[in-house]
Amino acid sequence: MNAADASPRLRKKVYEDPEVPLREAVYTALRKAILTGEISPGERLTEVGLGDMLGTSRTPIREALRKLEMEGLVKIIPRSGARVAPITESDLRDVLEVRRSLDSLSARLASRRGDARQKERLWDAHQCFEKAVADRDKAAILKADVCFHERLTEAAGNKKLMQMMNSMADQTYRFRFEYIKDDNYYKDLLEEHRKILDAICRGDEDAAAAACEEHVDHQGVRIRKAFGL
């Protein structure tokens, strides 16, 4: 979906909370549109075009684009303008290599340290994921998938690990949104989550870590297919 197609929704997001400063609302709306694919990777972003689309002056647009550039979501090229940062094979590889190691460590620590309440919260997240899949509700599936992995990290009981996972959340979200679009993967995702959860609940660190690594490896295959990489 391109920016023109997303225009009415983006405008609504900008003005839905009048108490939020306009520059923050513009930044938040554009950022979410990029992360969820409403504005496509590689798409050109002009201050005039975005201003017309969102009904704002160029100043908050310019500020938002600079902030998004700092986050790696937008590329600003002198005398050429701004574009949504493309998703490249090297970007994907770098993110998945780190995510694979962090998820594996999370699962290993959760198997060792997770208490009954944390494991119950993981089960609750998995059941929410199952329901979302049964309903074919993509927004709910995405939310439940994020929740499952957040609770996995919480169960690991390592604050530094949680900080590292949070710092990668946006990059992972951008990739995750793409493979969630394809309902052919839902059954596999459920099985992979269940495999991770079963290993954690029986305290099998090696099996839990291996299940997480396999899960991320499969994600890589799905995302590469989605982006033609």
Foldseek 3Di string as FASTA:
>chain_A
DACVVCLVVLLCQQPVDVVDDNLVSNLVSVLVCLLLCVHPAFAFDDLVVVCVSNVHHSVSVVVSQVVCVVLVQWDQDPPPGIGGHHDDPVLLVVLLVVQLVLLLLLLLLLLVQADPVLLVQLVVLLVQCVVCLVVVPLVSNLVSVVSNSLSSNVSSVDPVSNVVCVSSVSVVSSLVSQLSVDSVCSVVLSVLSVQLSVCSVVSNSVSNSVSSNVVSVVSSVSSCVSSVD
